[in-house]
Amino acid sequence: MSGARITGTGSSLPDKILTNRDLEQMVETSDEWITTRTGIKERRIAVEGEYTSTFAAEAGRRALAMAGIGADELDLIILGTVTPDFPFPATACILQKELGAHKATAFDLSAACSGFLYALSIATTYIRSGMAKKALVIGAEVLSRVVDWSDRNTCILFGDGAGAAVVEASEGENGILSTHIFSNGSHWDQLYLPGAGSRNPASNPRTIDERLYYIRMEGNDVFKHAVRAMEEAATAALTANAMSPSDISLFIPHQANRRIIDATAKRLGLPEERVFVNLHHYGNTSAASIPIALDEANRSGAIKAGDIILMDAFGGGFTYGSALVRW
């Protein structure tokens, strides 16, 4: 079986910035209240004419450029998103056309905030089995279109953007050591978007009247499950590779809430200097958060060859997962 290695990363974000001060003019909240409870200071918001595919395509181009390959060499495109351009076709198929990846198999994957790691796990399996040699894995969201801007408990959390990684077949000890994905559907209704599906179609007046086309979340319950699940996923990756937290060079967790990140790092025994955080700039970008953070860490020089990188996510479903990489 071939190994799989990340050879390029990329990210793309809207230019528009929405700060906590801006939110003070929209809902009953304050910069201090938001910062204390979440760690978020600002987030990026898509404007008219910008879509999930807009940012996914640009992130993909940047990852391809870093990897030094053309889109026509790709065998596979997997897009993790819960905010596709359309219910169908898959936004990944739109990307296939936009990028010129004419021979790639392309599909979307819905695993909420764990979407990028789910997609990375599938791409890695394809490559190791020999079914693909070069894959583009993307996490992209435009969550601002499904956020209730009158709900101060949720509108403060989310932002838009995309991150991408090129994964290629490789030999040697460097590369993706293992991926681990999990789900717990017992709690699906603690974080979900109730409207516009087959249960509550957009054509049903109730969907509009009851504002079912916006994200619903039981924040306190989600917090408790998130910390436990992310610890479990991280431990699975370390155990599978006979490693301990002391072996981790950089921990890149899903950027949902600073308290979740800090609690998970504490459980793993990781010091603050080995935890990558950019939540304060972008908020929770769901499936895009880990690949955006990975790209920032990579381009800033925070990652060096041979470093052990642990990525860890939790999202609606509940879904959760991890990936351990020797860079």
C-alpha atoms as a PDB file:
ATOM      1  CA  MET A   1       0.000   0.000   0.000  1.00  0.00           C
ATOM      2  CA  SER A   2       1.174   3.509  -0.805  1.00  0.00           C
ATOM      3  CA  GLY A   3       1.576   6.154   1.812  1.00  0.00           C
ATOM      4  CA  ALA A   4      -0.228   9.503   1.596  1.00  0.00           C
ATOM      5  CA  ARG A   5       1.321  12.898   2.157  1.00  0.00           C
ATOM      6  CA  ILE A   6       0.005  16.479   2.239  1.00  0.00           C
ATOM      7  CA  THR A   7       2.032  18.329  -0.402  1.00  0.00           C
ATOM      8  CA  GLY A   8       0.187  21.649  -0.535  1.00  0.00           C
ATOM      9  CA  THR A   9      -2.208  23.756   1.498  1.00  0.00           C
ATOM     10  CA  GLY A  10      -4.353  26.767   0.685  1.00  0.00           C
ATOM     11  CA  SER A  11      -7.077  28.938   2.153  1.00  0.00           C
ATOM     12  CA  SER A  12      -9.461  31.687   1.091  1.00  0.00           C
ATOM     13  CA  LEU A  13     -11.548  34.086   3.157  1.00  0.00           C
ATOM     14  CA  PRO A  14     -14.006  36.893   2.453  1.00  0.00           C
ATOM     15  CA  ASP A  15     -12.666  40.430   2.652  1.00  0.00           C
ATOM     16  CA  LYS A  16     -15.590  41.641   4.758  1.00  0.00           C
ATOM     17  CA  ILE A  17     -14.869  41.626   8.499  1.00  0.00           C
ATOM     18  CA  LEU A  18     -17.630  41.598  11.120  1.00  0.00           C
ATOM     19  CA  THR A  19     -16.281  42.541  14.551  1.00  0.00           C
ATOM     20  CA  ASN A  20     -17.781  42.105  17.979  1.00  0.00           C
ATOM     21  CA  ARG A  21     -18.315  45.861  18.037  1.00  0.00           C
ATOM     22  CA  ASP A  22     -20.379  45.531  14.866  1.00  0.00           C
ATOM     23  CA  LEU A  23     -22.491  42.828  16.513  1.00  0.00           C
ATOM     24  CA  GLU A  24     -23.177  45.153  19.435  1.00  0.00           C
ATOM     25  CA  GLN A  25     -25.217  47.226  16.973  1.00  0.00           C
ATOM     26  CA  MET A  26     -27.185  44.186  15.783  1.00  0.00           C
ATOM     27  CA  VAL A  27     -28.105  42.179  18.889  1.00  0.00           C
ATOM     28  CA  GLU A  28     -27.980  42.538  22.666  1.00  0.00           C
ATOM     29  CA  THR A  29     -24.358  41.595  23.272  1.00  0.00           C
ATOM     30  CA  SER A  30     -20.937  43.117  23.922  1.00  0.00           C
ATOM     31  CA  ASP A  31     -17.355  42.586  22.893  1.00  0.00           C
ATOM     32  CA  GLU A  32     -16.529  41.540  26.462  1.00  0.00           C
ATOM     33  CA  TRP A  33     -19.416  39.022  26.601  1.00  0.00           C
ATOM     34  CA  ILE A  34     -18.439  37.392  23.303  1.00  0.00           C
ATOM     35  CA  THR A  35     -14.702  37.346  24.001  1.00  0.00           C
ATOM     36  CA  THR A  36     -15.101  35.884  27.488  1.00  0.00           C
ATOM     37  CA  ARG A  37     -17.398  33.086  26.372  1.00  0.00           C
ATOM     38  CA  THR A  38     -15.894  32.203  22.992  1.00  0.00           C
ATOM     39  CA  GLY A  39     -12.524  33.856  22.407  1.00  0.00           C
ATOM     40  CA  ILE A  40     -13.816  35.283  19.111  1.00  0.00           C
ATOM     41  CA  LYS A  41     -13.053  38.918  18.235  1.00  0.00           C
ATOM     42  CA  GLU A  42     -14.107  39.012  14.569  1.00  0.00           C
ATOM     43  CA  ARG A  43     -15.229  36.811  11.696  1.00  0.00           C
ATOM     44  CA  ARG A  44     -15.258  36.979   7.871  1.00  0.00           C
ATOM     45  CA  ILE A  45     -18.594  37.261   6.079  1.00  0.00           C
ATOM     46  CA  ALA A  46     -19.386  36.557   2.405  1.00  0.00           C
ATOM     47  CA  VAL A  47     -21.030  39.342   0.429  1.00  0.00           C
ATOM     48  CA  GLU A  48     -23.473  39.237  -2.467  1.00  0.00           C
ATOM     49  CA  GLY A  49     -22.039  37.197  -5.323  1.00  0.00           C
ATOM     50  CA  GLU A  50     -19.742  35.102  -3.089  1.00  0.00           C
ATOM     51  CA  TYR A  51     -20.588  31.447  -2.502  1.00  0.00           C
ATOM     52  CA  THR A  52     -19.078  28.340  -0.958  1.00  0.00           C
ATOM     53  CA  SER A  53     -17.621  27.457  -4.360  1.00  0.00           C
ATOM     54  CA  THR A  54     -16.000  30.923  -4.587  1.00  0.00           C
ATOM     55  CA  PHE A  55     -13.774  30.298  -1.589  1.00  0.00           C
ATOM     56  CA  ALA A  56     -13.348  26.564  -2.156  1.00  0.00           C
ATOM     57  CA  ALA A  57     -12.017  27.137  -5.669  1.00  0.00           C
ATOM     58  CA  GLU A  58      -9.506  29.785  -4.564  1.00  0.00           C
ATOM     59  CA  ALA A  59      -8.292  27.681  -1.625  1.00  0.00           C
ATOM     60  CA  GLY A  60      -7.932  24.742  -4.013  1.00  0.00           C
ATOM     61  CA  ARG A  61      -5.911  26.786  -6.519  1.00  0.00           C
ATOM     62  CA  ARG A  62      -3.542  27.928  -3.791  1.00  0.00           C
ATOM     63  CA  ALA A  63      -3.056  24.384  -2.509  1.00  0.00           C
ATOM     64  CA  LEU A  64      -2.392  23.114  -6.044  1.00  0.00           C
ATOM     65  CA  ALA A  65       0.117  25.896  -6.648  1.00  0.00           C
ATOM     66  CA  MET A  66       2.020  25.013  -3.480  1.00  0.00           C
ATOM     67  CA  ALA A  67       2.015  21.331  -4.412  1.00  0.00           C
ATOM     68  CA  GLY A  68       3.250  22.218  -7.901  1.00  0.00           C
ATOM     69  CA  ILE A  69       0.637  20.180  -9.743  1.00  0.00           C
ATOM     70  CA  GLY A  70      -2.106  21.029 -12.207  1.00  0.00           C
ATOM     71  CA  ALA A  71      -5.799  20.434 -11.594  1.00  0.00           C
ATOM     72  CA  ASP A  72      -5.817  18.114 -14.607  1.00  0.00           C
ATOM     73  CA  GLU A  73      -3.619  15.713 -12.612  1.00  0.00           C
ATOM     74  CA  LEU A  74      -6.203  15.246  -9.836  1.00  0.00           C
ATOM     75  CA  ASP A  75      -7.935  11.888  -9.478  1.00  0.00           C
ATOM     76  CA  LEU A  76     -10.253  12.960  -6.668  1.00  0.00           C
ATOM     77  CA  ILE A  77     -11.927  16.076  -5.239  1.00  0.00           C
ATOM     78  CA  ILE A  78     -13.745  15.789  -1.905  1.00  0.00           C
ATOM     79  CA  LEU A  79     -15.485  18.833  -0.428  1.00  0.00           C
ATOM     80  CA  GLY A  80     -16.618  18.856   3.187  1.00  0.00           C
ATOM     81  CA  THR A  81     -19.475  21.338   3.600  1.00  0.00           C
ATOM     82  CA  VAL A  82     -22.940  21.798   5.095  1.00  0.00           C
ATOM     83  CA  THR A  83     -23.556  24.962   3.071  1.00  0.00           C
ATOM     84  CA  PRO A  84     -23.211  23.842  -0.558  1.00  0.00           C
ATOM     85  CA  ASP A  85     -24.055  26.186  -3.414  1.00  0.00           C
ATOM     86  CA  PHE A  86     -27.127  24.026  -4.184  1.00  0.00           C
ATOM     87  CA  PRO A  87     -28.772  20.903  -2.714  1.00  0.00           C
ATOM     88  CA  PHE A  88     -27.514  19.304  -5.917  1.00  0.00           C
ATOM     89  CA  PRO A  89     -25.339  18.989  -7.887  1.00  0.00           C
ATOM     90  CA  ALA A  90     -22.435  18.572  -5.512  1.00  0.00           C
ATOM     91  CA  THR A  91     -20.447  21.761  -5.153  1.00  0.00           C
ATOM     92  CA  ALA A  92     -17.366  19.580  -5.744  1.00  0.00           C
ATOM     93  CA  CYS A  93     -18.618  19.080  -9.305  1.00  0.00           C
ATOM     94  CA  ILE A  94     -18.782  22.862  -9.728  1.00  0.00           C
ATOM     95  CA  LEU A  95     -15.188  23.001  -8.483  1.00  0.00           C
ATOM     96  CA  GLN A  96     -14.189  20.318 -10.958  1.00  0.00           C
ATOM     97  CA  LYS A  97     -15.315  22.601 -13.769  1.00  0.00           C
ATOM     98  CA  GLU A  98     -13.894  25.791 -12.214  1.00  0.00           C
ATOM     99  CA  LEU A  99     -10.483  24.221 -11.641  1.00  0.00           C
ATOM    100  CA  GLY A 100     -10.329  22.242 -14.886  1.00  0.00           C
ATOM    101  CA  ALA A 101      -9.939  18.917 -13.085  1.00  0.00           C
ATOM    102  CA  HIS A 102     -11.489  16.983 -15.956  1.00  0.00           C
ATOM    103  CA  LYS A 103     -10.469  13.482 -14.867  1.00  0.00           C
ATOM    104  CA  ALA A 104     -11.235  13.782 -11.138  1.00  0.00           C
ATOM    105  CA  THR A 105     -14.056  12.036  -9.347  1.00  0.00           C
ATOM    106  CA  ALA A 106     -15.800  14.768  -7.341  1.00  0.00           C
ATOM    107  CA  PHE A 107     -18.293  14.647  -4.493  1.00  0.00           C
ATOM    108  CA  ASP A 108     -19.440  16.511  -1.381  1.00  0.00           C
ATOM    109  CA  LEU A 109     -19.393  15.167   2.154  1.00  0.00           C
ATOM    110  CA  SER A 110     -21.631  16.367   4.992  1.00  0.00           C
ATOM    111  CA  ALA A 111     -20.093  15.919   8.435  1.00  0.00           C
ATOM    112  CA  ALA A 112     -20.436  19.490   9.745  1.00  0.00           C
ATOM    113  CA  CYS A 113     -17.313  20.725  11.554  1.00  0.00           C
ATOM    114  CA  SER A 114     -15.615  17.338  11.113  1.00  0.00           C
ATOM    115  CA  GLY A 115     -16.058  17.516   7.341  1.00  0.00           C
ATOM    116  CA  PHE A 116     -12.435  18.186   6.435  1.00  0.00           C
ATOM    117  CA  LEU A 117     -11.092  15.310   8.557  1.00  0.00           C
ATOM    118  CA  TYR A 118     -13.765  12.958   7.219  1.00  0.00           C
ATOM    119  CA  ALA A 119     -12.778  13.969   3.678  1.00  0.00           C
ATOM    120  CA  LEU A 120      -9.070  13.614   4.481  1.00  0.00           C
ATOM    121  CA  SER A 121      -9.692  10.126   5.863  1.00  0.00           C
ATOM    122  CA  ILE A 122     -11.510   9.030   2.696  1.00  0.00           C
ATOM    123  CA  ALA A 123      -8.877  10.554   0.402  1.00  0.00           C
ATOM    124  CA  THR A 124      -6.111   8.846   2.376  1.00  0.00           C
ATOM    125  CA  THR A 125      -7.908   5.503   2.034  1.00  0.00           C
ATOM    126  CA  TYR A 126      -8.302   5.996  -1.727  1.00  0.00           C
ATOM    127  CA  ILE A 127      -4.597   6.753  -2.089  1.00  0.00           C
ATOM    128  CA  ARG A 128      -3.363   3.949   0.126  1.00  0.00           C
ATOM    129  CA  SER A 129      -5.522   1.456  -1.774  1.00  0.00           C
ATOM    130  CA  GLY A 130      -4.148   2.612  -5.119  1.00  0.00           C
ATOM    131  CA  MET A 131      -7.515   3.923  -6.336  1.00  0.00           C
ATOM    132  CA  ALA A 132      -6.119   7.471  -6.551  1.00  0.00           C
ATOM    133  CA  LYS A 133      -2.704   9.106  -6.609  1.00  0.00           C
ATOM    134  CA  LYS A 134      -3.547  12.783  -6.245  1.00  0.00           C
ATOM    135  CA  ALA A 135      -6.492  14.231  -4.337  1.00  0.00           C
ATOM    136  CA  LEU A 136      -7.747  17.664  -3.409  1.00  0.00           C
ATOM    137  CA  VAL A 137      -9.466  17.800  -0.012  1.00  0.00           C
ATOM    138  CA  ILE A 138     -11.397  20.941   0.890  1.00  0.00           C
ATOM    139  CA  GLY A 139     -13.466  22.240   3.783  1.00  0.00           C
ATOM    140  CA  ALA A 140     -15.605  25.249   2.856  1.00  0.00           C
ATOM    141  CA  GLU A 141     -18.589  27.041   4.337  1.00  0.00           C
ATOM    142  CA  VAL A 142     -20.737  30.139   3.982  1.00  0.00           C
ATOM    143  CA  LEU A 143     -22.465  29.799   7.334  1.00  0.00           C
ATOM    144  CA  SER A 144     -23.556  33.438   7.391  1.00  0.00           C
ATOM    145  CA  ARG A 145     -26.414  32.435   5.056  1.00  0.00           C
ATOM    146  CA  VAL A 146     -27.887  30.025   7.645  1.00  0.00           C
ATOM    147  CA  VAL A 147     -27.233  32.037  10.821  1.00  0.00           C
ATOM    148  CA  ASP A 148     -30.098  33.782  12.602  1.00  0.00           C
ATOM    149  CA  TRP A 149     -28.698  37.281  13.039  1.00  0.00           C
ATOM    150  CA  SER A 150     -31.314  38.011  15.722  1.00  0.00           C
ATOM    151  CA  ASP A 151     -30.112  35.138  17.955  1.00  0.00           C
ATOM    152  CA  ARG A 152     -27.227  36.387  20.052  1.00  0.00           C
ATOM    153  CA  ASN A 153     -26.290  32.866  21.170  1.00  0.00           C
ATOM    154  CA  THR A 154     -25.459  31.634  17.671  1.00  0.00           C
ATOM    155  CA  CYS A 155     -24.837  34.647  15.422  1.00  0.00           C
ATOM    156  CA  ILE A 156     -21.683  35.552  17.346  1.00  0.00           C
ATOM    157  CA  LEU A 157     -20.040  32.212  16.593  1.00  0.00           C
ATOM    158  CA  PHE A 158     -19.856  31.582  12.892  1.00  0.00           C
ATOM    159  CA  GLY A 159     -17.863  32.813   9.919  1.00  0.00           C
ATOM    160  CA  ASP A 160     -17.203  31.977   6.267  1.00  0.00           C
ATOM    161  CA  GLY A 161     -14.196  30.688   4.344  1.00  0.00           C
ATOM    162  CA  ALA A 162     -12.397  27.674   2.922  1.00  0.00           C
ATOM    163  CA  GLY A 163      -9.231  25.661   3.378  1.00  0.00           C
ATOM    164  CA  ALA A 164      -7.717  22.972   1.172  1.00  0.00           C
ATOM    165  CA  ALA A 165      -4.988  20.356   1.068  1.00  0.00           C
ATOM    166  CA  VAL A 166      -3.460  18.377  -1.778  1.00  0.00           C
ATOM    167  CA  VAL A 167      -2.826  14.766  -0.788  1.00  0.00           C
ATOM    168  CA  GLU A 168      -0.530  12.611  -2.910  1.00  0.00           C
ATOM    169  CA  ALA A 169       0.757   9.058  -2.889  1.00  0.00           C
ATOM    170  CA  SER A 170       4.215   8.885  -1.376  1.00  0.00           C
ATOM    171  CA  GLU A 171       6.823   6.585   0.095  1.00  0.00           C
ATOM    172  CA  GLY A 172       8.865   7.091   3.234  1.00  0.00           C
ATOM    173  CA  GLU A 173       8.081   7.815   6.852  1.00  0.00           C
ATOM    174  CA  ASN A 174       6.690  11.317   6.387  1.00  0.00           C
ATOM    175  CA  GLY A 175       2.994  11.682   5.642  1.00  0.00           C
ATOM    176  CA  ILE A 176      -0.423  10.928   7.072  1.00  0.00           C
ATOM    177  CA  LEU A 177       0.193   8.360   9.798  1.00  0.00           C
ATOM    178  CA  SER A 178      -3.461   7.607  10.526  1.00  0.00           C
ATOM    179  CA  THR A 179      -6.976   9.044  10.439  1.00  0.00           C
ATOM    180  CA  HIS A 180      -9.853   8.237  12.783  1.00  0.00           C
ATOM    181  CA  ILE A 181     -13.508   9.188  12.297  1.00  0.00           C
ATOM    182  CA  PHE A 182     -16.473   8.611  14.598  1.00  0.00           C
ATOM    183  CA  SER A 183     -20.132   9.539  14.984  1.00  0.00           C
ATOM    184  CA  ASN A 184     -22.801   9.541  17.683  1.00  0.00           C
ATOM    185  CA  GLY A 185     -26.240  10.099  16.199  1.00  0.00           C
ATOM    186  CA  SER A 186     -27.964   9.963  19.594  1.00  0.00           C
ATOM    187  CA  HIS A 187     -27.556  13.710  19.867  1.00  0.00           C
ATOM    188  CA  TRP A 188     -28.194  14.830  16.290  1.00  0.00           C
ATOM    189  CA  ASP A 189     -30.836  17.353  17.396  1.00  0.00           C
ATOM    190  CA  GLN A 190     -28.492  19.348  19.651  1.00  0.00           C
ATOM    191  CA  LEU A 191     -26.818  21.027  16.676  1.00  0.00           C
ATOM    192  CA  TYR A 192     -28.649  21.090  13.356  1.00  0.00           C
ATOM    193  CA  LEU A 193     -30.421  23.075  10.686  1.00  0.00           C
ATOM    194  CA  PRO A 194     -34.085  21.941  10.706  1.00  0.00           C
ATOM    195  CA  GLY A 195     -35.379  23.564   7.532  1.00  0.00           C
ATOM    196  CA  ALA A 196     -35.134  23.133   3.751  1.00  0.00           C
ATOM    197  CA  GLY A 197     -34.741  19.327   3.808  1.00  0.00           C
ATOM    198  CA  SER A 198     -37.380  16.684   3.184  1.00  0.00           C
ATOM    199  CA  ARG A 199     -38.796  17.002   6.727  1.00  0.00           C
ATOM    200  CA  ASN A 200     -39.335  20.739   6.526  1.00  0.00           C
ATOM    201  CA  PRO A 201     -39.120  21.683   2.851  1.00  0.00           C
ATOM    202  CA  ALA A 202     -38.558  25.264   1.805  1.00  0.00           C
ATOM    203  CA  SER A 203     -41.994  25.254   0.146  1.00  0.00           C
ATOM    204  CA  ASN A 204     -43.738  24.647   3.482  1.00  0.00           C
ATOM    205  CA  PRO A 205     -44.984  27.929   5.049  1.00  0.00           C
ATOM    206  CA  ARG A 206     -44.070  26.518   8.481  1.00  0.00           C
ATOM    207  CA  THR A 207     -40.400  26.529   7.468  1.00  0.00           C
ATOM    208  CA  ILE A 208     -40.593  30.285   6.956  1.00  0.00           C
ATOM    209  CA  ASP A 209     -42.950  31.100   9.842  1.00  0.00           C
ATOM    210  CA  GLU A 210     -40.908  29.189  12.425  1.00  0.00           C
ATOM    211  CA  ARG A 211     -37.545  30.279  11.004  1.00  0.00           C
ATOM    212  CA  LEU A 212     -36.472  26.686  10.498  1.00  0.00           C
ATOM    213  CA  TYR A 213     -33.853  27.605   7.906  1.00  0.00           C
ATOM    214  CA  TYR A 214     -31.438  28.769  10.615  1.00  0.00           C
ATOM    215  CA  ILE A 215     -28.926  26.855  12.760  1.00  0.00           C
ATOM    216  CA  ARG A 216     -30.268  25.531  16.075  1.00  0.00           C
ATOM    217  CA  MET A 217     -27.863  24.665  18.884  1.00  0.00           C
ATOM    218  CA  GLU A 218     -27.962  23.560  22.515  1.00  0.00           C
ATOM    219  CA  GLY A 219     -24.710  25.249  23.411  1.00  0.00           C
ATOM    220  CA  ASN A 220     -24.023  23.870  26.899  1.00  0.00           C
ATOM    221  CA  ASP A 221     -24.731  20.274  25.874  1.00  0.00           C
ATOM    222  CA  VAL A 222     -22.615  20.590  22.746  1.00  0.00           C
ATOM    223  CA  PHE A 223     -19.706  21.934  24.806  1.00  0.00           C
ATOM    224  CA  LYS A 224     -19.690  18.922  27.132  1.00  0.00           C
ATOM    225  CA  HIS A 225     -19.834  16.396  24.315  1.00  0.00           C
ATOM    226  CA  ALA A 226     -17.229  18.261  22.260  1.00  0.00           C
ATOM    227  CA  VAL A 227     -14.480  18.135  24.874  1.00  0.00           C
ATOM    228  CA  ARG A 228     -14.999  14.434  25.613  1.00  0.00           C
ATOM    229  CA  ALA A 229     -15.228  13.495  21.939  1.00  0.00           C
ATOM    230  CA  MET A 230     -12.165  15.471  20.892  1.00  0.00           C
ATOM    231  CA  GLU A 231     -10.149  13.883  23.688  1.00  0.00           C
ATOM    232  CA  GLU A 232     -11.325  10.447  22.534  1.00  0.00           C
ATOM    233  CA  ALA A 233     -10.415  11.122  18.903  1.00  0.00           C
ATOM    234  CA  ALA A 234      -7.003  12.517  19.810  1.00  0.00           C
ATOM    235  CA  THR A 235      -6.243   9.568  22.088  1.00  0.00           C
ATOM    236  CA  ALA A 236      -7.228   7.139  19.309  1.00  0.00           C
ATOM    237  CA  ALA A 237      -4.677   8.706  16.973  1.00  0.00           C
ATOM    238  CA  LEU A 238      -1.898   8.681  19.553  1.00  0.00           C
ATOM    239  CA  THR A 239      -2.624   5.099  20.621  1.00  0.00           C
ATOM    240  CA  ALA A 240      -2.692   3.842  17.029  1.00  0.00           C
ATOM    241  CA  ASN A 241       0.800   5.240  16.491  1.00  0.00           C
ATOM    242  CA  ALA A 242       2.268   4.343  19.896  1.00  0.00           C
ATOM    243  CA  MET A 243       2.788   8.025  20.688  1.00  0.00           C
ATOM    244  CA  SER A 244       2.063  10.260  23.646  1.00  0.00           C
ATOM    245  CA  PRO A 245       1.094  13.941  23.848  1.00  0.00           C
ATOM    246  CA  SER A 246       4.757  14.806  24.389  1.00  0.00           C
ATOM    247  CA  ASP A 247       5.429  13.678  20.792  1.00  0.00           C
ATOM    248  CA  ILE A 248       3.056  16.276  19.329  1.00  0.00           C
ATOM    249  CA  SER A 249       4.786  19.263  17.770  1.00  0.00           C
ATOM    250  CA  LEU A 250       1.575  21.159  17.005  1.00  0.00           C
ATOM    251  CA  PHE A 251      -2.060  20.546  17.894  1.00  0.00           C
ATOM    252  CA  ILE A 252      -4.543  21.971  15.365  1.00  0.00           C
ATOM    253  CA  PRO A 253      -8.059  21.631  16.816  1.00  0.00           C
ATOM    254  CA  HIS A 254     -11.358  22.662  15.287  1.00  0.00           C
ATOM    255  CA  GLN A 255     -11.751  26.376  15.987  1.00  0.00           C
ATOM    256  CA  ALA A 256     -15.201  26.470  17.588  1.00  0.00           C
ATOM    257  CA  ASN A 257     -14.745  27.988  21.019  1.00  0.00           C
ATOM    258  CA  ARG A 258     -11.616  28.918  22.959  1.00  0.00           C
ATOM    259  CA  ARG A 259     -12.908  27.185  26.075  1.00  0.00           C
ATOM    260  CA  ILE A 260     -13.339  23.914  24.157  1.00  0.00           C
ATOM    261  CA  ILE A 261      -9.828  24.222  22.727  1.00  0.00           C
ATOM    262  CA  ASP A 262      -8.296  24.969  26.138  1.00  0.00           C
ATOM    263  CA  ALA A 263     -10.215  22.177  27.889  1.00  0.00           C
ATOM    264  CA  THR A 264      -9.193  19.623  25.257  1.00  0.00           C
ATOM    265  CA  ALA A 265      -5.551  20.695  25.343  1.00  0.00           C
ATOM    266  CA  LYS A 266      -5.561  20.487  29.151  1.00  0.00           C
ATOM    267  CA  ARG A 267      -6.960  16.954  29.071  1.00  0.00           C
ATOM    268  CA  LEU A 268      -4.228  15.957  26.650  1.00  0.00           C
ATOM    269  CA  GLY A 269      -1.553  17.700  28.691  1.00  0.00           C
ATOM    270  CA  LEU A 270      -0.534  20.026  25.872  1.00  0.00           C
ATOM    271  CA  PRO A 271       1.024  23.411  26.693  1.00  0.00           C
ATOM    272  CA  GLU A 272      -0.414  26.534  25.093  1.00  0.00           C
ATOM    273  CA  GLU A 273       2.610  27.087  22.843  1.00  0.00           C
ATOM    274  CA  ARG A 274       1.904  23.811  21.016  1.00  0.00           C
ATOM    275  CA  VAL A 275      -1.760  24.623  20.311  1.00  0.00           C
ATOM    276  CA  PHE A 276      -2.571  26.564  17.134  1.00  0.00           C
ATOM    277  CA  VAL A 277      -5.413  29.062  17.551  1.00  0.00           C
ATOM    278  CA  ASN A 278      -6.804  31.523  14.988  1.00  0.00           C
ATOM    279  CA  LEU A 279     -10.386  31.485  16.267  1.00  0.00           C
ATOM    280  CA  HIS A 280     -10.193  35.123  17.332  1.00  0.00           C
ATOM    281  CA  HIS A 281      -9.860  36.219  13.697  1.00  0.00           C
ATOM    282  CA  TYR A 282     -12.356  33.945  11.948  1.00  0.00           C
ATOM    283  CA  GLY A 283     -14.853  32.443  14.395  1.00  0.00           C
ATOM    284  CA  ASN A 284     -16.207  28.967  13.778  1.00  0.00           C
ATOM    285  CA  THR A 285     -15.951  28.213  10.055  1.00  0.00           C
ATOM    286  CA  SER A 286     -17.126  24.603  10.519  1.00  0.00           C
ATOM    287  CA  ALA A 287     -15.499  22.248   7.983  1.00  0.00           C
ATOM    288  CA  ALA A 288     -13.161  25.045   6.890  1.00  0.00           C
ATOM    289  CA  SER A 289     -11.633  25.737  10.303  1.00  0.00           C
ATOM    290  CA  ILE A 290      -8.944  23.036  10.435  1.00  0.00           C
ATOM    291  CA  PRO A 291      -7.681  23.450   6.853  1.00  0.00           C
ATOM    292  CA  ILE A 292      -7.588  27.250   7.230  1.00  0.00           C
ATOM    293  CA  ALA A 293      -5.572  26.830  10.437  1.00  0.00           C
ATOM    294  CA  LEU A 294      -3.331  24.196   8.803  1.00  0.00           C
ATOM    295  CA  ASP A 295      -2.595  26.528   5.898  1.00  0.00           C
ATOM    296  CA  GLU A 296      -1.828  29.459   8.213  1.00  0.00           C
ATOM    297  CA  ALA A 297       0.482  27.326  10.332  1.00  0.00           C
ATOM    298  CA  ASN A 298       2.188  25.935   7.235  1.00  0.00           C
ATOM    299  CA  ARG A 299       2.737  29.293   5.502  1.00  0.00           C
ATOM    300  CA  SER A 300       3.838  31.055   8.681  1.00  0.00           C
ATOM    301  CA  GLY A 301       6.605  28.557   9.334  1.00  0.00           C
ATOM    302  CA  ALA A 302       4.977  27.133  12.453  1.00  0.00           C
ATOM    303  CA  ILE A 303       5.332  23.656  10.915  1.00  0.00           C
ATOM    304  CA  LYS A 304       8.701  22.154   9.993  1.00  0.00           C
ATOM    305  CA  ALA A 305       9.648  18.945   8.199  1.00  0.00           C
ATOM    306  CA  GLY A 306       9.412  16.001  10.575  1.00  0.00           C
ATOM    307  CA  ASP A 307       6.974  17.706  12.957  1.00  0.00           C
ATOM    308  CA  ILE A 308       4.136  15.598  14.350  1.00  0.00           C
ATOM    309  CA  ILE A 309       0.826  17.387  13.708  1.00  0.00           C
ATOM    310  CA  LEU A 310      -2.403  16.336  15.422  1.00  0.00           C
ATOM    311  CA  MET A 311      -5.675  17.596  13.925  1.00  0.00           C
ATOM    312  CA  ASP A 312      -8.864  17.091  15.928  1.00  0.00           C
ATOM    313  CA  ALA A 313     -12.500  18.025  15.213  1.00  0.00           C
ATOM    314  CA  PHE A 314     -16.044  17.770  16.529  1.00  0.00           C
ATOM    315  CA  GLY A 315     -19.290  18.772  14.820  1.00  0.00           C
ATOM    316  CA  GLY A 316     -23.015  18.307  14.431  1.00  0.00           C
ATOM    317  CA  GLY A 317     -24.229  14.762  14.024  1.00  0.00           C
ATOM    318  CA  PHE A 318     -22.446  14.344  16.332  1.00  0.00           C
ATOM    319  CA  THR A 319     -19.341  13.667  14.249  1.00  0.00           C
ATOM    320  CA  TYR A 320     -15.747  13.771  15.406  1.00  0.00           C
ATOM    321  CA  GLY A 321     -12.350  12.670  14.242  1.00  0.00           C
ATOM    322  CA  SER A 322      -8.597  13.097  14.203  1.00  0.00           C
ATOM    323  CA  ALA A 323      -5.579  12.807  11.930  1.00  0.00           C
ATOM    324  CA  LEU A 324      -1.934  12.391  12.872  1.00  0.00           C
ATOM    325  CA  VAL A 325       0.647  13.596  10.363  1.00  0.00           C
ATOM    326  CA  ARG A 326       4.444  13.519  10.220  1.00  0.00           C
ATOM    327  CA  TRP A 327       5.127  16.623   8.145  1.00  0.00           C
END
